[in-house]
Amino acid sequence: MSVRVIKDLWLKGDLFAWSGPRYLRQNGTDGKLSGAFDLNAGLEFRVTKNINLWTQFNNILNKEYQRWNQYRVYGFNFVGGIVFSFDQKR
């Protein structure tokens, strides 16, 4: 979901839900991981027509789960950056 809050500010959100993947054990039997929810949110702000700032907050509820067998996901984390657009014809 992405919502424009004011002229140059967007609020973004994601909710991922799954029942858990199946996997194959070494002895040949199959297993199933437990399901999980993952809530994420972010902001994007247009500074000029060529420059945007953004940040993304992931796993806001800090849930521990495995997306794939024996591969744990990170707990709460965030990233951010700058987007520079070339040749804007506005």
Protein backbone atom coordinates (compact mmCIF):
# COMPACT_ATOMS: atom_id res chain seq x y z
CA MET A 1 0.00 0.00 0.00
CA SER A 2 1.21 3.50 -0.76
CA VAL A 3 -0.59 6.67 0.30
CA ARG A 4 0.30 10.23 -0.60
CA VAL A 5 0.02 12.10 2.71
CA ILE A 6 0.94 15.59 1.48
CA LYS A 7 2.27 16.96 -1.81
CA ASP A 8 5.78 15.45 -1.58
CA LEU A 9 5.42 12.76 1.11
CA TRP A 10 4.33 9.14 0.63
CA LEU A 11 3.64 6.60 3.37
CA LYS A 12 4.13 2.96 2.39
CA GLY A 13 3.16 -0.24 4.16
CA ASP A 14 3.34 -4.00 3.58
CA LEU A 15 1.87 -6.95 5.43
CA PHE A 16 3.10 -10.38 4.40
CA ALA A 17 1.42 -13.53 5.69
CA TRP A 18 2.11 -17.14 4.81
CA SER A 19 1.34 -20.55 6.20
CA GLY A 20 4.94 -21.82 6.10
CA PRO A 21 6.88 -23.66 3.41
CA ARG A 22 7.44 -27.38 3.21
CA TYR A 23 10.94 -28.82 3.12
CA LEU A 24 12.64 -32.19 2.72
CA ARG A 25 14.56 -33.66 5.66
CA GLN A 26 17.78 -35.67 5.21
CA ASN A 27 15.93 -38.92 5.90
CA GLY A 28 13.54 -38.24 3.00
CA THR A 29 10.47 -37.24 5.01
CA ASP A 30 8.88 -33.86 4.55
CA GLY A 31 8.53 -31.15 7.17
CA LYS A 32 6.62 -27.91 7.38
CA LEU A 33 7.71 -24.66 9.00
CA SER A 34 5.26 -22.57 11.00
CA GLY A 35 3.61 -19.60 9.33
CA ALA A 36 4.36 -15.97 10.03
CA PHE A 37 3.27 -12.36 9.61
CA ASP A 38 5.71 -9.62 8.64
CA LEU A 39 4.73 -5.94 8.94
CA ASN A 40 6.78 -3.26 7.15
CA ALA A 41 6.40 0.52 6.74
CA GLY A 42 8.28 3.27 4.97
CA LEU A 43 8.39 6.90 3.95
CA GLU A 44 9.47 8.64 0.77
CA PHE A 45 9.96 12.39 0.52
CA ARG A 46 10.59 14.39 -2.66
CA VAL A 47 13.22 17.07 -1.92
CA THR A 48 13.42 18.37 -5.51
CA LYS A 49 12.13 17.04 -8.82
CA ASN A 50 15.36 15.01 -9.14
CA ILE A 51 16.03 13.95 -5.51
CA ASN A 52 13.96 11.73 -3.20
CA LEU A 53 14.83 10.52 0.30
CA TRP A 54 13.40 7.24 1.55
CA THR A 55 13.44 4.92 4.54
CA GLN A 56 11.99 1.46 5.11
CA PHE A 57 11.31 -0.22 8.47
CA ASN A 58 11.11 -4.02 8.21
CA ASN A 59 9.74 -6.66 10.60
CA ILE A 60 8.28 -3.96 12.85
CA LEU A 61 6.84 -6.55 15.27
CA ASN A 62 10.32 -8.16 15.59
CA LYS A 63 8.96 -11.67 14.96
CA GLU A 64 11.42 -14.56 14.76
CA TYR A 65 10.65 -17.01 11.98
CA GLN A 66 12.27 -18.94 9.17
CA ARG A 67 11.34 -18.02 5.63
CA TRP A 68 13.18 -21.14 4.43
CA ASN A 69 14.36 -24.12 6.49
CA GLN A 70 17.33 -23.09 8.69
CA TYR A 71 17.37 -19.50 7.31
CA ARG A 72 16.15 -17.15 10.03
CA VAL A 73 15.00 -13.67 9.02
CA TYR A 74 16.41 -10.52 10.58
CA GLY A 75 14.53 -9.03 13.48
CA PHE A 76 13.49 -5.39 13.30
CA ASN A 77 15.71 -3.52 10.82
CA PHE A 78 15.68 -0.40 8.72
CA VAL A 79 17.31 0.92 5.57
CA GLY A 80 17.24 4.25 3.83
CA GLY A 81 18.65 6.03 0.86
CA ILE A 82 18.64 8.75 -1.72
CA VAL A 83 17.18 8.44 -5.20
CA PHE A 84 18.57 10.74 -7.88
CA SER A 85 16.65 10.84 -11.18
CA PHE A 86 18.38 11.95 -14.35
CA ASP A 87 16.81 13.86 -17.24
CA GLN A 88 13.43 14.78 -15.73
CA LYS A 89 11.43 16.64 -18.40
CA ARG A 90 8.84 18.38 -16.24
